[in-house]
Amino acid sequence: MIFDVLIIGGGAAGISCGLVLGSAKEREFAKDKNIGIIMHQRASSLQTAILNNVMGVAPNTSGDDLLEDGKKQLASLYPHVSQIEKEKVLEIEKNGDVLKVITNKNSYEAKNIVVAVGPKNFAIKGLEAYTELHQKLPAAKQRTQLKNVDHVVDKGIYVAGTLAGCRSQFAIAAGSGAEVATDILTIWNDGKTTMIHDKKTVS
């Protein structure tokens, strides 16, 4: 199987991207798309966070609890999004229009990838040419970002969250992941601007 989109990273940006992509499952242009997410979370700065300044998140919610809840939400609402657990991406190889994603345990093929891992000690082989010093984090921290234009790194390669050059804030990272998802949905929908909104049922 070739994924239409494979998200790399199960933090705020990655899960948000997966939720928005998954929510399009009833749309004609997305119903047959294969979507996956490699749920590596160990490098997420949310692991040690307490969230008090995020709308809709209860005060004193821990980051690790929120990560776990995000995984459950994705699995419950959009089970067609494949969650790949306990694997870390080591390398990306280009093969024409298909990208080979190599982990510590397996390899996968994808038409598009969304790189949504943290900027600390970034080391995915095959993406070195796109790396640069993060422009919005203190230089002394030596954090990485991937060069991109509106989240696009290269053909078939997107970046989301802090690695895209965003500041390290939960709401910003989540929004970045959601934006990448709507950009991909727009492409699938023949270039027609696409957002997915659920609405209350009026009786």
N, C-alpha and C. Protein backbone atom coordinates (compact mmCIF):
# COMPACT_ATOMS: atom_id res chain seq x y z
N MET A 1 0.83 -1.19 0.00
CA MET A 1 0.00 0.00 0.00
C MET A 1 0.88 1.25 0.00
N ILE A 2 0.48 2.22 -0.81
CA ILE A 2 1.14 3.51 -0.81
C ILE A 2 0.23 4.51 -0.11
N PHE A 3 0.75 5.19 0.90
CA PHE A 3 -0.04 6.21 1.58
C PHE A 3 -0.17 7.44 0.69
N ASP A 4 -1.36 8.02 0.66
CA ASP A 4 -1.51 9.31 0.00
C ASP A 4 -0.86 10.40 0.84
N VAL A 5 -0.97 10.26 2.16
CA VAL A 5 -0.26 11.14 3.09
C VAL A 5 0.21 10.31 4.27
N LEU A 6 1.47 10.47 4.62
CA LEU A 6 2.01 9.85 5.82
C LEU A 6 2.58 10.96 6.70
N ILE A 7 2.00 11.12 7.88
CA ILE A 7 2.43 12.15 8.83
C ILE A 7 3.51 11.56 9.71
N ILE A 8 4.58 12.31 9.90
CA ILE A 8 5.68 11.86 10.74
C ILE A 8 5.68 12.69 12.02
N GLY A 9 5.27 12.07 13.12
CA GLY A 9 5.25 12.76 14.40
C GLY A 9 3.86 12.83 14.99
N GLY A 10 3.74 12.44 16.26
CA GLY A 10 2.44 12.40 16.93
C GLY A 10 2.28 13.46 17.99
N GLY A 11 2.85 14.65 17.75
CA GLY A 11 2.66 15.77 18.67
C GLY A 11 1.48 16.62 18.26
N ALA A 12 1.47 17.87 18.73
CA ALA A 12 0.33 18.77 18.46
C ALA A 12 0.09 18.95 16.97
N ALA A 13 1.15 19.22 16.21
CA ALA A 13 1.00 19.47 14.77
C ALA A 13 0.58 18.21 14.03
N GLY A 14 1.22 17.09 14.34
CA GLY A 14 0.93 15.84 13.64
C GLY A 14 -0.48 15.34 13.87
N ILE A 15 -0.90 15.31 15.14
CA ILE A 15 -2.25 14.82 15.44
C ILE A 15 -3.30 15.77 14.86
N SER A 16 -3.08 17.08 14.96
CA SER A 16 -4.03 18.04 14.39
C SER A 16 -4.16 17.84 12.89
N CYS A 17 -3.05 17.61 12.22
CA CYS A 17 -3.07 17.34 10.78
C CYS A 17 -3.88 16.07 10.50
N GLY A 18 -3.65 15.03 11.28
CA GLY A 18 -4.37 13.78 11.10
C GLY A 18 -5.86 13.91 11.34
N LEU A 19 -6.25 14.70 12.34
CA LEU A 19 -7.67 14.89 12.64
C LEU A 19 -8.39 15.59 11.49
N VAL A 20 -7.77 16.63 10.95
CA VAL A 20 -8.42 17.36 9.86
C VAL A 20 -8.48 16.51 8.59
N LEU A 21 -7.39 15.84 8.26
CA LEU A 21 -7.43 14.95 7.09
C LEU A 21 -8.46 13.84 7.29
N GLY A 22 -8.47 13.26 8.47
CA GLY A 22 -9.41 12.18 8.75
C GLY A 22 -10.86 12.61 8.67
N SER A 23 -11.12 13.87 9.04
CA SER A 23 -12.50 14.36 9.07
C SER A 23 -13.12 14.53 7.69
N ALA A 24 -12.29 14.42 6.65
CA ALA A 24 -12.80 14.58 5.28
C ALA A 24 -13.26 13.27 4.67
N LYS A 25 -13.34 12.23 5.45
CA LYS A 25 -13.58 10.88 4.92
C LYS A 25 -14.89 10.74 4.14
N GLU A 26 -15.88 11.58 4.44
CA GLU A 26 -17.15 11.47 3.73
C GLU A 26 -17.16 12.25 2.42
N ARG A 27 -16.14 13.04 2.18
CA ARG A 27 -16.09 13.82 0.95
C ARG A 27 -15.62 12.93 -0.21
N GLU A 28 -16.20 13.11 -1.36
CA GLU A 28 -15.90 12.27 -2.51
C GLU A 28 -14.41 12.27 -2.85
N PHE A 29 -13.78 13.44 -2.75
CA PHE A 29 -12.38 13.57 -3.15
C PHE A 29 -11.41 12.94 -2.15
N ALA A 30 -11.89 12.58 -0.96
CA ALA A 30 -11.00 12.05 0.07
C ALA A 30 -11.35 10.65 0.54
N LYS A 31 -12.48 10.11 0.09
CA LYS A 31 -12.97 8.87 0.70
C LYS A 31 -12.07 7.67 0.46
N ASP A 32 -11.29 7.69 -0.62
CA ASP A 32 -10.43 6.55 -0.92
C ASP A 32 -8.95 6.80 -0.60
N LYS A 33 -8.67 7.89 0.10
CA LYS A 33 -7.28 8.24 0.39
C LYS A 33 -6.75 7.42 1.57
N ASN A 34 -5.52 6.96 1.43
CA ASN A 34 -4.84 6.24 2.51
C ASN A 34 -4.01 7.24 3.33
N ILE A 35 -4.34 7.35 4.59
CA ILE A 35 -3.69 8.32 5.47
C ILE A 35 -3.08 7.56 6.65
N GLY A 36 -1.85 7.90 6.99
CA GLY A 36 -1.20 7.28 8.13
C GLY A 36 -0.44 8.30 8.96
N ILE A 37 -0.16 7.94 10.19
CA ILE A 37 0.63 8.80 11.07
C ILE A 37 1.56 7.94 11.91
N ILE A 38 2.83 8.25 11.84
CA ILE A 38 3.81 7.57 12.68
C ILE A 38 3.84 8.30 14.01
N MET A 39 3.32 7.64 15.04
CA MET A 39 3.01 8.27 16.32
C MET A 39 4.20 8.41 17.26
N HIS A 40 5.35 8.79 16.73
CA HIS A 40 6.49 8.97 17.62
C HIS A 40 6.29 10.25 18.42
N GLN A 41 6.26 10.13 19.76
CA GLN A 41 5.97 11.27 20.62
C GLN A 41 7.08 11.59 21.60
N ARG A 42 8.08 10.75 21.66
CA ARG A 42 9.09 10.88 22.70
C ARG A 42 9.82 12.22 22.67
N ALA A 43 9.97 12.79 21.46
CA ALA A 43 10.70 14.05 21.33
C ALA A 43 9.80 15.28 21.51
N SER A 44 8.51 15.07 21.71
CA SER A 44 7.59 16.19 21.83
C SER A 44 7.83 16.96 23.12
N SER A 45 7.89 18.29 22.99
CA SER A 45 8.07 19.12 24.19
C SER A 45 6.82 19.10 25.06
N LEU A 46 5.72 18.58 24.53
CA LEU A 46 4.50 18.46 25.33
C LEU A 46 4.64 17.46 26.47
N GLN A 47 5.61 16.56 26.36
CA GLN A 47 5.79 15.53 27.39
C GLN A 47 5.95 16.14 28.78
N THR A 48 6.54 17.32 28.87
CA THR A 48 6.79 17.94 30.18
C THR A 48 5.95 19.20 30.40
N ALA A 49 4.96 19.43 29.54
CA ALA A 49 4.19 20.68 29.60
C ALA A 49 2.96 20.56 30.49
N ILE A 50 2.56 21.71 31.05
CA ILE A 50 1.26 21.88 31.67
C ILE A 50 0.56 22.98 30.88
N LEU A 51 -0.66 22.71 30.43
CA LEU A 51 -1.34 23.66 29.54
C LEU A 51 -2.43 24.41 30.29
N ASN A 52 -2.18 25.71 30.51
CA ASN A 52 -3.17 26.56 31.16
C ASN A 52 -3.67 27.66 30.23
N ASN A 53 -3.04 27.85 29.09
CA ASN A 53 -3.38 29.00 28.24
C ASN A 53 -3.87 28.57 26.86
N VAL A 54 -4.53 27.41 26.79
CA VAL A 54 -5.05 26.92 25.52
C VAL A 54 -6.57 26.84 25.60
N MET A 55 -7.25 27.53 24.71
CA MET A 55 -8.71 27.52 24.71
C MET A 55 -9.25 26.10 24.53
N GLY A 56 -10.19 25.73 25.38
CA GLY A 56 -10.83 24.44 25.28
C GLY A 56 -10.14 23.31 26.01
N VAL A 57 -8.95 23.59 26.54
CA VAL A 57 -8.21 22.58 27.31
C VAL A 57 -8.32 22.93 28.78
N ALA A 58 -8.74 21.99 29.58
CA ALA A 58 -8.93 22.26 31.01
C ALA A 58 -7.62 22.69 31.66
N PRO A 59 -7.66 23.70 32.57
CA PRO A 59 -6.44 24.13 33.26
C PRO A 59 -5.74 22.96 33.95
N ASN A 60 -4.41 23.04 33.96
CA ASN A 60 -3.55 22.03 34.60
C ASN A 60 -3.54 20.69 33.87
N THR A 61 -4.02 20.67 32.64
CA THR A 61 -3.90 19.46 31.83
C THR A 61 -2.43 19.25 31.48
N SER A 62 -1.94 18.05 31.69
CA SER A 62 -0.54 17.78 31.36
C SER A 62 -0.41 17.46 29.87
N GLY A 63 0.74 17.80 29.34
CA GLY A 63 0.98 17.57 27.92
C GLY A 63 0.93 16.11 27.55
N ASP A 64 1.46 15.24 28.41
CA ASP A 64 1.45 13.82 28.06
C ASP A 64 0.03 13.26 28.07
N ASP A 65 -0.83 13.77 28.97
CA ASP A 65 -2.24 13.35 28.95
C ASP A 65 -2.93 13.83 27.67
N LEU A 66 -2.61 15.06 27.26
CA LEU A 66 -3.22 15.60 26.05
C LEU A 66 -2.78 14.81 24.81
N LEU A 67 -1.53 14.40 24.76
CA LEU A 67 -1.05 13.58 23.66
C LEU A 67 -1.80 12.25 23.60
N GLU A 68 -1.99 11.64 24.75
CA GLU A 68 -2.71 10.37 24.80
C GLU A 68 -4.16 10.55 24.40
N ASP A 69 -4.78 11.64 24.86
CA ASP A 69 -6.17 11.92 24.48
C ASP A 69 -6.29 12.16 22.98
N GLY A 70 -5.29 12.83 22.39
CA GLY A 70 -5.31 13.08 20.96
C GLY A 70 -5.27 11.80 20.15
N LYS A 71 -4.46 10.86 20.58
CA LYS A 71 -4.40 9.56 19.92
C LYS A 71 -5.74 8.84 20.00
N LYS A 72 -6.37 8.91 21.17
CA LYS A 72 -7.67 8.24 21.35
C LYS A 72 -8.75 8.92 20.50
N GLN A 73 -8.71 10.25 20.45
CA GLN A 73 -9.69 10.98 19.63
C GLN A 73 -9.56 10.60 18.16
N LEU A 74 -8.34 10.54 17.67
CA LEU A 74 -8.10 10.18 16.28
C LEU A 74 -8.58 8.76 15.99
N ALA A 75 -8.27 7.83 16.91
CA ALA A 75 -8.67 6.43 16.72
C ALA A 75 -10.18 6.26 16.79
N SER A 76 -10.83 7.02 17.68
CA SER A 76 -12.27 6.88 17.87
C SER A 76 -13.07 7.49 16.72
N LEU A 77 -12.71 8.69 16.31
CA LEU A 77 -13.47 9.40 15.29
C LEU A 77 -13.09 8.98 13.87
N TYR A 78 -11.81 8.73 13.66
CA TYR A 78 -11.32 8.49 12.30
C TYR A 78 -10.40 7.27 12.28
N PRO A 79 -10.96 6.09 12.54
CA PRO A 79 -10.14 4.88 12.62
C PRO A 79 -9.48 4.49 11.29
N HIS A 80 -9.93 5.09 10.18
CA HIS A 80 -9.30 4.80 8.89
C HIS A 80 -7.92 5.44 8.76
N VAL A 81 -7.58 6.35 9.68
CA VAL A 81 -6.23 6.92 9.71
C VAL A 81 -5.34 5.94 10.47
N SER A 82 -4.41 5.32 9.79
CA SER A 82 -3.57 4.28 10.39
C SER A 82 -2.58 4.90 11.37
N GLN A 83 -2.61 4.45 12.61
CA GLN A 83 -1.65 4.91 13.60
C GLN A 83 -0.53 3.87 13.73
N ILE A 84 0.67 4.30 13.46
CA ILE A 84 1.83 3.42 13.52
C ILE A 84 2.60 3.74 14.79
N GLU A 85 2.64 2.78 15.70
CA GLU A 85 3.20 3.00 17.03
C GLU A 85 4.63 2.47 17.15
N LYS A 86 5.36 3.06 18.06
CA LYS A 86 6.68 2.58 18.50
C LYS A 86 7.68 2.45 17.36
N GLU A 87 7.62 3.40 16.43
CA GLU A 87 8.60 3.46 15.35
C GLU A 87 9.12 4.89 15.22
N LYS A 88 10.37 5.00 14.88
CA LYS A 88 11.01 6.30 14.71
C LYS A 88 11.56 6.39 13.29
N VAL A 89 11.26 7.50 12.61
CA VAL A 89 11.72 7.67 11.23
C VAL A 89 13.20 8.01 11.23
N LEU A 90 13.97 7.27 10.43
CA LEU A 90 15.41 7.47 10.33
C LEU A 90 15.82 8.12 9.01
N GLU A 91 15.05 7.84 7.95
CA GLU A 91 15.51 8.28 6.63
C GLU A 91 14.34 8.43 5.67
N ILE A 92 14.49 9.40 4.76
CA ILE A 92 13.54 9.59 3.66
C ILE A 92 14.30 9.43 2.36
N GLU A 93 13.77 8.60 1.46
CA GLU A 93 14.37 8.43 0.15
C GLU A 93 13.35 8.82 -0.91
N LYS A 94 13.81 9.55 -1.94
CA LYS A 94 12.94 9.91 -3.06
C LYS A 94 13.09 8.87 -4.16
N ASN A 95 11.97 8.45 -4.70
CA ASN A 95 11.97 7.52 -5.82
C ASN A 95 10.91 7.98 -6.81
N GLY A 96 11.26 8.94 -7.66
CA GLY A 96 10.29 9.53 -8.55
C GLY A 96 9.26 10.33 -7.78
N ASP A 97 7.99 9.99 -7.97
CA ASP A 97 6.91 10.69 -7.28
C ASP A 97 6.54 10.03 -5.95
N VAL A 98 7.28 9.00 -5.57
CA VAL A 98 7.00 8.29 -4.32
C VAL A 98 8.15 8.49 -3.34
N LEU A 99 7.80 8.69 -2.09
CA LEU A 99 8.79 8.84 -1.02
C LEU A 99 8.83 7.57 -0.19
N LYS A 100 10.01 7.09 0.08
CA LYS A 100 10.18 5.92 0.94
C LYS A 100 10.55 6.40 2.33
N VAL A 101 9.76 6.03 3.31
CA VAL A 101 9.97 6.44 4.69
C VAL A 101 10.51 5.24 5.46
N ILE A 102 11.73 5.34 5.92
CA ILE A 102 12.40 4.22 6.58
C ILE A 102 12.45 4.49 8.09
N THR A 103 11.91 3.55 8.85
CA THR A 103 11.93 3.67 10.31
C THR A 103 12.93 2.67 10.89
N ASN A 104 12.99 2.64 12.20
CA ASN A 104 13.86 1.69 12.88
C ASN A 104 13.34 0.25 12.80
N LYS A 105 12.11 0.08 12.26
CA LYS A 105 11.53 -1.27 12.18
C LYS A 105 11.00 -1.64 10.80
N ASN A 106 10.55 -0.65 10.03
CA ASN A 106 9.88 -0.94 8.76
C ASN A 106 10.20 0.15 7.73
N SER A 107 9.61 0.02 6.56
CA SER A 107 9.66 1.09 5.57
C SER A 107 8.27 1.21 4.94
N TYR A 108 7.94 2.42 4.53
CA TYR A 108 6.63 2.73 3.97
C TYR A 108 6.80 3.60 2.74
N GLU A 109 5.81 3.57 1.87
CA GLU A 109 5.83 4.43 0.69
C GLU A 109 4.68 5.43 0.78
N ALA A 110 4.95 6.65 0.34
CA ALA A 110 3.93 7.70 0.42
C ALA A 110 4.07 8.67 -0.74
N LYS A 111 2.93 9.18 -1.19
CA LYS A 111 2.95 10.23 -2.21
C LYS A 111 3.30 11.58 -1.59
N ASN A 112 2.88 11.77 -0.35
CA ASN A 112 3.16 13.00 0.40
C ASN A 112 3.51 12.64 1.83
N ILE A 113 4.42 13.41 2.40
CA ILE A 113 4.71 13.28 3.82
C ILE A 113 4.57 14.64 4.48
N VAL A 114 4.18 14.61 5.76
CA VAL A 114 4.14 15.82 6.58
C VAL A 114 5.09 15.59 7.74
N VAL A 115 6.19 16.32 7.77
CA VAL A 115 7.19 16.15 8.82
C VAL A 115 6.80 17.06 9.98
N ALA A 116 6.43 16.45 11.10
CA ALA A 116 5.89 17.21 12.23
C ALA A 116 6.54 16.77 13.54
N VAL A 117 7.84 16.60 13.51
CA VAL A 117 8.57 16.25 14.72
C VAL A 117 9.21 17.51 15.30
N GLY A 118 9.78 17.39 16.49
CA GLY A 118 10.35 18.55 17.16
C GLY A 118 11.65 19.03 16.52
N PRO A 119 12.04 20.27 16.85
CA PRO A 119 13.24 20.87 16.24
C PRO A 119 14.54 20.58 16.99
N LYS A 120 14.43 19.84 18.09
CA LYS A 120 15.62 19.55 18.90
C LYS A 120 16.28 18.27 18.40
N ASN A 121 17.58 18.36 18.11
CA ASN A 121 18.35 17.20 17.65
C ASN A 121 17.70 16.53 16.44
N PHE A 122 17.21 17.34 15.51
CA PHE A 122 16.57 16.80 14.32
C PHE A 122 17.59 16.04 13.47
N ALA A 123 17.26 14.81 13.13
CA ALA A 123 18.22 14.00 12.37
C ALA A 123 17.51 12.94 11.54
N ILE A 124 16.82 13.37 10.49
CA ILE A 124 16.23 12.43 9.54
C ILE A 124 17.07 12.49 8.28
N LYS A 125 17.73 11.40 7.99
CA LYS A 125 18.60 11.34 6.82
C LYS A 125 17.78 11.55 5.55
N GLY A 126 18.34 12.29 4.62
CA GLY A 126 17.65 12.59 3.38
C GLY A 126 17.01 13.96 3.36
N LEU A 127 16.91 14.59 4.54
CA LEU A 127 16.34 15.93 4.64
C LEU A 127 17.39 16.98 5.03
N GLU A 128 18.65 16.57 5.07
CA GLU A 128 19.71 17.48 5.54
C GLU A 128 19.79 18.75 4.70
N ALA A 129 19.54 18.63 3.40
CA ALA A 129 19.68 19.79 2.51
C ALA A 129 18.67 20.88 2.81
N TYR A 130 17.60 20.53 3.53
CA TYR A 130 16.54 21.51 3.80
C TYR A 130 16.66 22.15 5.19
N THR A 131 17.62 21.72 5.98
CA THR A 131 17.69 22.20 7.35
C THR A 131 18.41 23.54 7.45
N GLU A 132 17.98 24.33 8.43
CA GLU A 132 18.64 25.59 8.76
C GLU A 132 18.36 25.92 10.22
N LEU A 133 19.07 26.90 10.74
CA LEU A 133 18.86 27.33 12.11
C LEU A 133 17.47 27.95 12.24
N HIS A 134 16.78 27.58 13.30
CA HIS A 134 15.42 28.09 13.51
C HIS A 134 15.43 29.61 13.64
N GLN A 135 14.53 30.26 12.90
CA GLN A 135 14.53 31.72 12.82
C GLN A 135 13.78 32.41 13.95
N LYS A 136 12.94 31.67 14.69
CA LYS A 136 12.11 32.30 15.72
C LYS A 136 12.39 31.79 17.13
N LEU A 137 13.34 30.91 17.27
CA LEU A 137 13.75 30.43 18.59
C LEU A 137 15.15 30.96 18.89
N PRO A 138 15.52 31.10 20.16
CA PRO A 138 16.84 31.64 20.50
C PRO A 138 17.96 30.86 19.81
N ALA A 139 18.87 31.58 19.18
CA ALA A 139 19.97 30.94 18.44
C ALA A 139 20.80 30.05 19.35
N ALA A 140 20.91 30.45 20.62
CA ALA A 140 21.73 29.68 21.57
C ALA A 140 21.19 28.26 21.77
N LYS A 141 19.91 28.06 21.50
CA LYS A 141 19.33 26.72 21.68
C LYS A 141 19.66 25.78 20.53
N GLN A 142 20.15 26.33 19.42
CA GLN A 142 20.55 25.52 18.26
C GLN A 142 19.43 24.59 17.79
N ARG A 143 18.24 25.17 17.64
CA ARG A 143 17.10 24.39 17.14
C ARG A 143 17.04 24.48 15.62
N THR A 144 16.45 23.47 15.01
CA THR A 144 16.40 23.34 13.56
C THR A 144 15.01 23.67 13.04
N GLN A 145 14.97 24.19 11.81
CA GLN A 145 13.73 24.23 11.05
C GLN A 145 14.03 23.76 9.64
N LEU A 146 12.98 23.37 8.93
CA LEU A 146 13.13 22.99 7.53
C LEU A 146 12.74 24.18 6.66
N LYS A 147 13.58 24.50 5.70
CA LYS A 147 13.28 25.58 4.78
C LYS A 147 11.98 25.25 4.05
N ASN A 148 11.07 26.21 4.02
CA ASN A 148 9.78 25.95 3.39
C ASN A 148 9.14 27.25 2.93
N VAL A 149 8.23 27.12 2.01
CA VAL A 149 7.37 28.23 1.60
C VAL A 149 5.94 27.80 1.87
N ASP A 150 5.32 28.44 2.85
CA ASP A 150 3.95 28.11 3.24
C ASP A 150 3.81 26.62 3.53
N HIS A 151 4.74 26.09 4.31
CA HIS A 151 4.77 24.70 4.77
C HIS A 151 5.23 23.69 3.72
N VAL A 152 5.49 24.12 2.51
CA VAL A 152 5.96 23.21 1.46
C VAL A 152 7.49 23.24 1.40
N VAL A 153 8.11 22.09 1.64
CA VAL A 153 9.57 21.98 1.61
C VAL A 153 10.05 21.66 0.20
N ASP A 154 9.40 20.69 -0.41
CA ASP A 154 9.72 20.24 -1.77
C ASP A 154 8.50 19.46 -2.25
N LYS A 155 8.53 19.01 -3.47
CA LYS A 155 7.39 18.27 -4.00
C LYS A 155 7.09 17.06 -3.12
N GLY A 156 5.88 17.02 -2.59
CA GLY A 156 5.46 15.90 -1.77
C GLY A 156 5.92 15.96 -0.33
N ILE A 157 6.69 16.98 0.04
CA ILE A 157 7.22 17.09 1.40
C ILE A 157 6.70 18.37 2.05
N TYR A 158 5.90 18.19 3.10
CA TYR A 158 5.39 19.30 3.89
C TYR A 158 6.04 19.27 5.28
N VAL A 159 6.02 20.41 5.94
CA VAL A 159 6.51 20.48 7.31
C VAL A 159 5.48 21.24 8.13
N ALA A 160 5.30 20.84 9.39
CA ALA A 160 4.31 21.48 10.24
C ALA A 160 4.85 21.65 11.66
N GLY A 161 4.30 22.63 12.36
CA GLY A 161 4.68 22.85 13.75
C GLY A 161 5.95 23.65 13.89
N THR A 162 6.62 23.45 15.00
CA THR A 162 7.83 24.22 15.29
C THR A 162 8.91 23.98 14.24
N LEU A 163 8.96 22.80 13.68
CA LEU A 163 9.95 22.48 12.65
C LEU A 163 9.71 23.29 11.37
N ALA A 164 8.51 23.85 11.22
CA ALA A 164 8.19 24.68 10.05
C ALA A 164 8.64 26.13 10.25
N GLY A 165 9.19 26.43 11.43
CA GLY A 165 9.61 27.79 11.73
C GLY A 165 8.66 28.51 12.66
N CYS A 166 7.66 27.80 13.18
CA CYS A 166 6.72 28.39 14.12
C CYS A 166 7.35 28.49 15.52
N ARG A 167 6.83 29.41 16.31
CA ARG A 167 7.26 29.48 17.70
C ARG A 167 6.72 28.27 18.45
N SER A 168 7.40 27.93 19.53
CA SER A 168 7.06 26.73 20.29
C SER A 168 5.89 27.02 21.23
N GLN A 169 4.69 26.94 20.70
CA GLN A 169 3.47 27.17 21.46
C GLN A 169 2.44 26.17 20.96
N PHE A 170 1.74 25.51 21.87
CA PHE A 170 0.82 24.43 21.49
C PHE A 170 -0.17 24.88 20.42
N ALA A 171 -0.85 25.99 20.66
CA ALA A 171 -1.90 26.43 19.74
C ALA A 171 -1.34 26.74 18.36
N ILE A 172 -0.12 27.27 18.31
CA ILE A 172 0.50 27.60 17.02
C ILE A 172 0.84 26.32 16.26
N ALA A 173 1.43 25.36 16.96
CA ALA A 173 1.81 24.09 16.33
C ALA A 173 0.57 23.35 15.82
N ALA A 174 -0.48 23.32 16.64
CA ALA A 174 -1.71 22.63 16.24
C ALA A 174 -2.32 23.30 15.01
N GLY A 175 -2.33 24.63 15.00
CA GLY A 175 -2.87 25.35 13.86
C GLY A 175 -2.06 25.12 12.60
N SER A 176 -0.74 25.02 12.75
CA SER A 176 0.13 24.75 11.61
C SER A 176 -0.20 23.39 10.99
N GLY A 177 -0.38 22.39 11.82
CA GLY A 177 -0.73 21.06 11.32
C GLY A 177 -2.08 21.05 10.63
N ALA A 178 -3.05 21.78 11.19
CA ALA A 178 -4.38 21.86 10.58
C ALA A 178 -4.31 22.58 9.23
N GLU A 179 -3.47 23.61 9.15
CA GLU A 179 -3.34 24.35 7.90
C GLU A 179 -2.75 23.48 6.79
N VAL A 180 -1.74 22.69 7.13
CA VAL A 180 -1.17 21.78 6.14
C VAL A 180 -2.25 20.81 5.64
N ALA A 181 -3.05 20.31 6.57
CA ALA A 181 -4.11 19.37 6.19
C ALA A 181 -5.09 20.02 5.21
N THR A 182 -5.51 21.27 5.46
CA THR A 182 -6.45 21.92 4.55
C THR A 182 -5.81 22.22 3.20
N ASP A 183 -4.51 22.47 3.19
CA ASP A 183 -3.81 22.66 1.91
C ASP A 183 -3.83 21.38 1.09
N ILE A 184 -3.60 20.25 1.76
CA ILE A 184 -3.62 18.96 1.06
C ILE A 184 -5.03 18.64 0.57
N LEU A 185 -6.03 18.89 1.42
CA LEU A 185 -7.42 18.65 1.02
C LEU A 185 -7.80 19.52 -0.18
N THR A 186 -7.31 20.74 -0.21
CA THR A 186 -7.59 21.64 -1.32
C THR A 186 -7.02 21.09 -2.63
N ILE A 187 -5.83 20.53 -2.56
CA ILE A 187 -5.23 19.90 -3.75
C ILE A 187 -6.06 18.71 -4.19
N TRP A 188 -6.46 17.86 -3.23
CA TRP A 188 -7.29 16.70 -3.58
C TRP A 188 -8.62 17.13 -4.19
N ASN A 189 -9.10 18.30 -3.79
CA ASN A 189 -10.40 18.81 -4.25
C ASN A 189 -10.24 19.71 -5.48
N ASP A 190 -9.29 19.35 -6.34
CA ASP A 190 -9.06 20.05 -7.60
C ASP A 190 -8.80 21.54 -7.42
N GLY A 191 -8.11 21.88 -6.32
CA GLY A 191 -7.72 23.27 -6.11
C GLY A 191 -8.80 24.16 -5.51
N LYS A 192 -9.95 23.58 -5.19
CA LYS A 192 -11.02 24.37 -4.57
C LYS A 192 -10.74 24.46 -3.07
N THR A 193 -10.67 25.69 -2.57
CA THR A 193 -10.35 25.90 -1.15
C THR A 193 -11.26 25.06 -0.28
N THR A 194 -10.64 24.27 0.60
CA THR A 194 -11.39 23.26 1.35
C THR A 194 -11.08 23.32 2.85
N MET A 195 -12.12 23.46 3.64
CA MET A 195 -12.05 23.30 5.08
C MET A 195 -13.16 22.32 5.48
N ILE A 196 -12.97 21.63 6.58
CA ILE A 196 -13.98 20.67 7.03
C ILE A 196 -14.54 21.17 8.36
N HIS A 197 -15.86 21.44 8.37
CA HIS A 197 -16.51 21.92 9.59
C HIS A 197 -17.67 20.99 9.95
N ASP A 198 -17.72 20.55 11.18
CA ASP A 198 -18.90 19.84 11.68
C ASP A 198 -19.86 20.88 12.25
N LYS A 199 -21.16 20.60 12.11
CA LYS A 199 -22.17 21.54 12.60
C LYS A 199 -23.20 20.83 13.46
N LYS A 200 -23.79 21.58 14.35
CA LYS A 200 -24.86 21.05 15.18
C LYS A 200 -26.05 20.68 14.30
N THR A 201 -26.72 19.60 14.68
CA THR A 201 -27.95 19.23 14.00
C THR A 201 -29.10 20.04 14.57
N VAL A 202 -29.79 20.75 13.71
CA VAL A 202 -30.92 21.57 14.16
C VAL A 202 -32.18 20.76 14.02
N SER A 203 -32.90 20.61 15.15
CA SER A 203 -34.14 19.81 15.12
C SER A 203 -35.34 20.68 14.85
